[in-house]
Amino acid sequence: FLVSKLTQKEIVLSRQMKDSVGFNDAPSFLRAFRDLVRIRLAALRNHPNPSSLSSDELVALLQSGDNSEESIAEIKELLRSCDDQEFAGNELTRQPLDTLHQKGAKLIQKLK
């Protein structure tokens, strides 16, 4: 039951990431990306409360798995953008959202 619930949540978040690209909504995209990383890593590491994980804790979980340094660095950069958006309200303008979506989706699929 828990696995199917997580999978449904992942589907919803993936759809939210994709929809936010269409609406050019960076804050929504970044929130969905971070939540999807949280859920995926929590499932991989049997963490009981994904929503409690900070960006630093997520990076530590990434490093405890078999993830490449490049993937960790790229996810860390996107998580930093998430934090900047959440705490400072900065718009993410360096890359188009569709590019970030493609990059983010690939990174999430590679999580170990």
Protein backbone atom coordinates (compact mmCIF):
# COMPACT_ATOMS: atom_id res chain seq x y z
CA PHE A 1 0.00 0.00 0.00
CA LEU A 2 2.76 2.46 0.94
CA VAL A 3 4.59 1.87 -2.33
CA SER A 4 1.50 2.54 -4.45
CA LYS A 5 0.77 5.68 -2.44
CA LEU A 6 4.31 6.94 -3.02
CA THR A 7 4.09 6.09 -6.69
CA GLN A 8 0.83 8.05 -7.01
CA LYS A 9 2.44 11.01 -5.27
CA GLU A 10 5.43 10.77 -7.61
CA ILE A 11 3.11 10.75 -10.63
CA VAL A 12 1.28 13.82 -9.33
CA LEU A 13 4.56 15.66 -8.69
CA SER A 14 5.96 14.70 -12.10
CA ARG A 15 2.82 16.04 -13.73
CA GLN A 16 3.07 19.20 -11.63
CA MET A 17 6.67 19.72 -12.81
CA LYS A 18 5.58 19.31 -16.43
CA ASP A 19 2.54 21.58 -16.04
CA SER A 20 4.60 24.30 -14.37
CA VAL A 21 6.83 24.40 -17.46
CA GLY A 22 3.76 25.09 -19.61
CA PHE A 23 2.71 27.90 -17.28
CA ASN A 24 6.30 29.17 -16.95
CA ASP A 25 5.88 28.88 -13.18
CA ALA A 26 9.37 28.49 -11.70
CA PRO A 27 8.30 28.41 -8.02
CA SER A 28 5.85 25.58 -8.68
CA PHE A 29 8.41 23.66 -10.73
CA LEU A 30 11.06 23.94 -8.02
CA ARG A 31 8.68 22.89 -5.22
CA ALA A 32 7.58 19.83 -7.19
CA PHE A 33 11.19 18.92 -8.04
CA ARG A 34 12.31 19.14 -4.41
CA ASP A 35 9.30 17.16 -3.18
CA LEU A 36 9.93 14.48 -5.80
CA VAL A 37 13.60 14.21 -4.77
CA ARG A 38 12.50 13.98 -1.13
CA ILE A 39 10.01 11.19 -1.81
CA ARG A 40 12.35 9.21 -4.04
CA LEU A 41 15.31 9.42 -1.64
CA ALA A 42 13.15 8.71 1.40
CA ALA A 43 11.85 5.57 -0.32
CA LEU A 44 15.37 4.48 -1.30
CA ARG A 45 16.74 5.06 2.23
CA ASN A 46 13.62 4.02 4.20
CA HIS A 47 13.29 7.48 5.74
CA PRO A 48 9.99 7.77 7.63
CA ASN A 49 9.28 11.48 7.02
CA PRO A 50 10.32 12.79 3.58
CA SER A 51 8.77 16.23 4.09
CA SER A 52 11.10 16.90 7.01
CA LEU A 53 14.28 16.58 4.92
CA SER A 54 16.23 19.79 4.31
CA SER A 55 18.31 20.34 1.19
CA ASP A 56 21.51 19.55 3.15
CA GLU A 57 19.98 16.31 4.43
CA LEU A 58 18.93 15.40 0.88
CA VAL A 59 22.49 15.95 -0.35
CA ALA A 60 23.79 13.74 2.48
CA LEU A 61 21.34 11.01 1.45
CA LEU A 62 22.48 11.39 -2.18
CA GLN A 63 26.09 10.96 -1.09
CA SER A 64 25.22 7.84 0.92
CA GLY A 65 23.99 6.12 -2.24
CA ASP A 66 25.72 5.12 -5.44
CA ASN A 67 25.14 8.47 -7.17
CA SER A 68 27.77 10.08 -9.37
CA GLU A 69 29.47 13.25 -8.18
CA GLU A 70 28.11 14.99 -11.29
CA SER A 71 24.51 13.99 -10.48
CA ILE A 72 24.94 15.06 -6.86
CA ALA A 73 26.34 18.44 -7.94
CA GLU A 74 23.50 19.02 -10.42
CA ILE A 75 20.80 18.08 -7.91
CA LYS A 76 22.52 20.21 -5.27
CA GLU A 77 22.41 23.19 -7.67
CA LEU A 78 18.69 22.68 -8.33
CA LEU A 79 18.01 22.30 -4.60
CA ARG A 80 19.89 25.56 -3.99
CA SER A 81 17.61 27.20 -6.55
CA CYS A 82 14.63 25.75 -4.66
CA ASP A 83 15.89 27.25 -1.40
CA ASP A 84 16.63 30.60 -3.05
CA GLN A 85 13.13 30.69 -4.49
CA GLU A 86 11.50 29.71 -1.22
CA PHE A 87 13.45 31.93 1.14
CA ALA A 88 14.43 34.90 -1.01
CA GLY A 89 11.77 34.85 -3.70
CA ASN A 90 14.40 35.00 -6.46
CA GLU A 91 13.20 34.02 -9.90
CA LEU A 92 15.13 31.28 -11.62
CA THR A 93 16.12 32.83 -14.93
CA ARG A 94 19.41 31.23 -15.93
CA GLN A 95 17.83 28.35 -17.84
CA PRO A 96 14.44 27.92 -19.51
CA LEU A 97 12.05 25.80 -17.46
CA ASP A 98 11.70 23.18 -20.18
CA THR A 99 15.47 22.63 -20.04
CA LEU A 100 15.35 22.40 -16.24
CA HIS A 101 12.43 19.98 -16.47
CA GLN A 102 14.33 17.65 -18.80
CA LYS A 103 17.45 17.85 -16.62
CA GLY A 104 15.51 17.41 -13.37
CA ALA A 105 13.48 14.46 -14.65
CA LYS A 106 16.63 12.66 -15.81
CA LEU A 107 18.38 13.29 -12.50
CA ILE A 108 15.44 11.96 -10.50
CA GLN A 109 15.32 8.79 -12.61
CA LYS A 110 19.02 8.17 -11.92
CA LEU A 111 18.73 8.42 -8.11
CA LYS A 112 20.29 5.50 -6.25
